[in-house]
Protein backbone atom coordinates (compact mmCIF):
# COMPACT_ATOMS: atom_id res chain seq x y z
CA MET A 1 -0.68 12.38 19.83
CA THR A 2 -0.87 10.73 16.41
CA LEU A 3 -2.62 12.04 13.31
CA LYS A 4 -3.84 9.89 10.45
CA LEU A 5 -4.69 11.17 6.99
CA ASP A 6 -8.45 10.78 6.64
CA PHE A 7 -9.58 12.60 3.47
CA VAL A 8 -7.93 14.41 0.61
CA THR A 9 -10.38 17.23 -0.13
CA ILE A 10 -10.80 18.63 -3.63
CA ASP A 11 -12.76 21.74 -4.55
CA ALA A 12 -15.16 21.42 -7.49
CA HIS A 13 -18.00 23.19 -9.26
CA ASP A 14 -19.74 19.84 -9.78
CA PRO A 15 -18.62 17.42 -7.04
CA LYS A 16 -20.75 14.54 -8.38
CA ALA A 17 -19.24 14.75 -11.87
CA VAL A 18 -15.65 15.03 -10.65
CA ALA A 19 -16.19 12.20 -8.15
CA ALA A 20 -17.63 10.03 -10.94
CA PHE A 21 -14.50 10.68 -13.05
CA TRP A 22 -12.21 9.61 -10.20
CA VAL A 23 -14.27 6.49 -9.43
CA GLU A 24 -13.83 5.42 -13.05
CA ALA A 25 -10.15 6.42 -13.10
CA LEU A 26 -9.24 4.55 -9.90
CA GLU A 27 -10.06 0.85 -10.02
CA ASP A 28 -10.84 0.22 -6.36
CA TYR A 29 -12.95 3.29 -5.55
CA GLU A 30 -16.68 3.89 -5.11
CA ILE A 31 -18.92 6.79 -4.21
CA LEU A 32 -20.19 6.60 -0.65
CA GLU A 33 -23.96 6.63 -0.80
CA ASP A 34 -25.36 8.41 2.23
CA PRO A 35 -29.09 7.67 2.59
CA SER A 36 -29.49 10.74 4.80
CA ASP A 37 -28.35 13.06 2.01
CA ASP A 38 -30.91 15.34 0.42
CA PRO A 39 -31.00 14.33 -3.29
CA ASP A 40 -31.16 18.01 -4.24
CA GLU A 41 -27.94 18.79 -2.37
CA ASP A 42 -24.73 18.57 -4.39
CA GLU A 43 -22.45 20.15 -1.79
CA GLU A 44 -20.07 17.23 -1.20
CA VAL A 45 -19.37 13.71 -2.37
CA SER A 46 -17.17 11.13 -0.61
CA VAL A 47 -15.18 8.57 -2.59
CA LEU A 48 -13.75 5.58 -0.73
CA PRO A 49 -11.65 2.54 -1.59
CA ARG A 50 -13.85 -0.56 -1.83
CA SER A 51 -11.16 -2.42 0.10
CA ARG A 52 -11.44 0.24 2.84
CA LYS A 53 -7.63 0.60 2.64
CA GLY A 54 -6.07 3.76 1.27
CA ALA A 55 -6.86 7.43 0.97
CA LYS A 56 -10.43 8.69 0.91
CA LEU A 57 -11.40 11.57 -1.36
CA LEU A 58 -13.91 14.30 -0.58
CA PHE A 59 -15.20 16.58 -3.34
CA ILE A 60 -16.69 19.84 -2.05
CA LYS A 61 -18.71 22.34 -4.07
CA VAL A 62 -17.12 25.79 -4.35
CA PRO A 63 -18.13 28.82 -6.43
CA ASP A 64 -14.62 29.94 -7.45
CA ASP A 65 -12.70 28.76 -10.50
CA LYS A 66 -9.35 27.02 -10.38
CA ALA A 67 -6.86 29.75 -11.26
CA ILE A 68 -3.31 28.34 -11.06
CA LYS A 69 -1.35 25.09 -11.10
CA ASN A 70 -2.24 22.78 -8.20
CA ARG A 71 0.14 22.84 -5.25
CA LEU A 72 -0.88 19.26 -4.44
CA HIS A 73 -1.60 16.53 -6.96
CA PHE A 74 -1.91 12.77 -7.37
CA ASP A 75 0.87 10.65 -8.88
CA LEU A 76 -0.78 7.53 -10.29
CA ARG A 77 1.23 4.42 -11.13
CA PRO A 78 -0.21 1.70 -13.39
CA GLU A 79 -0.06 -1.79 -11.90
CA ASN A 80 -0.99 -4.02 -14.82
CA ALA A 81 -0.83 -1.76 -17.86
CA GLU A 82 1.65 0.46 -19.62
CA GLN A 83 1.72 4.19 -18.99
CA ASP A 84 0.58 5.09 -22.52
CA SER A 85 -2.46 2.82 -22.40
CA GLU A 86 -3.52 4.24 -19.02
CA VAL A 87 -3.12 7.80 -20.33
CA GLU A 88 -5.29 6.90 -23.32
CA ARG A 89 -7.93 5.28 -21.06
CA LEU A 90 -8.04 8.30 -18.77
CA MET A 91 -8.44 10.63 -21.74
CA THR A 92 -11.42 8.61 -22.99
CA ILE A 93 -13.19 9.21 -19.66
CA GLY A 94 -12.59 12.96 -19.63
CA ALA A 95 -8.96 13.72 -18.73
CA THR A 96 -6.95 16.14 -20.85
CA LYS A 97 -3.20 16.54 -21.36
CA VAL A 98 -1.81 19.70 -19.81
CA ASP A 99 1.51 21.50 -19.86
CA ILE A 100 2.52 22.90 -16.51
CA GLY A 101 6.14 23.35 -17.53
CA GLN A 102 7.15 19.73 -16.98
CA GLY A 103 9.29 19.64 -20.13
CA ASP A 104 10.45 16.25 -21.36
CA ALA A 105 9.44 14.20 -18.31
CA ARG A 106 9.05 10.44 -17.82
CA TRP A 107 5.51 11.01 -16.57
CA THR A 108 2.45 12.43 -18.30
CA VAL A 109 0.55 15.33 -16.78
CA LEU A 110 -3.22 15.21 -17.20
CA ALA A 111 -6.12 17.15 -15.71
CA ASP A 112 -9.50 15.90 -14.54
CA PRO A 113 -12.70 17.43 -16.02
CA GLU A 114 -12.37 20.51 -13.76
CA GLY A 115 -8.68 21.10 -14.46
CA ASN A 116 -7.08 19.46 -11.41
CA GLU A 117 -3.68 18.20 -12.55
CA PHE A 118 -2.37 14.71 -11.85
CA CYS A 119 0.51 12.62 -13.17
CA VAL A 120 0.57 9.16 -14.68
CA LEU A 121 3.90 7.49 -13.94
CA ARG A 122 5.48 4.52 -15.64
CA ARG A 123 4.73 1.01 -14.41
CA LEU A 124 7.30 -0.47 -12.01
CA THR A 125 9.52 -3.21 -13.39
CA ASP A 126 9.41 -6.63 -11.72
CA GLU A 127 12.80 -5.89 -10.15
CA GLU A 128 11.51 -2.62 -8.70
CA LYS A 129 8.44 -4.38 -7.32
CA VAL A 130 10.69 -6.84 -5.48
CA LYS A 131 13.02 -4.08 -4.29
CA TYR A 132 10.13 -2.09 -2.85
CA SER A 133 7.95 -5.05 -1.80
CA ASP A 134 7.72 -3.84 1.80
CA TRP A 135 5.92 -0.68 0.63
CA ALA A 136 2.14 -0.70 0.37
CA TRP A 137 1.90 0.24 -3.30
């Protein structure tokens, strides 16, 4: 039997707001509009790659607050921009810098509007892109 990763599910107080942040943060993503959804229901929001290739995100409404550092997080790598400019862009749309004990790292740790941590890595060099060209970056 084979399993395939379908959704990465993220708890949120306001799934629509957190989903909107991630749609703006990730270039190729869009919110799945489900015409059968009750407009008064804010229980879950699906975010999918426009290309229909890659991980899907599902934001689910929960009553509890985030209490500790995430055990799972996204590592985001800029494709056509420098790390610092992407960090700045993400902060303008609602991300905040956080210290989770990373020390002097080559990546920057940010959090989305509800405190879910994620990392912004450095852009790959041209040589690294060639070296890893068989990977689906």
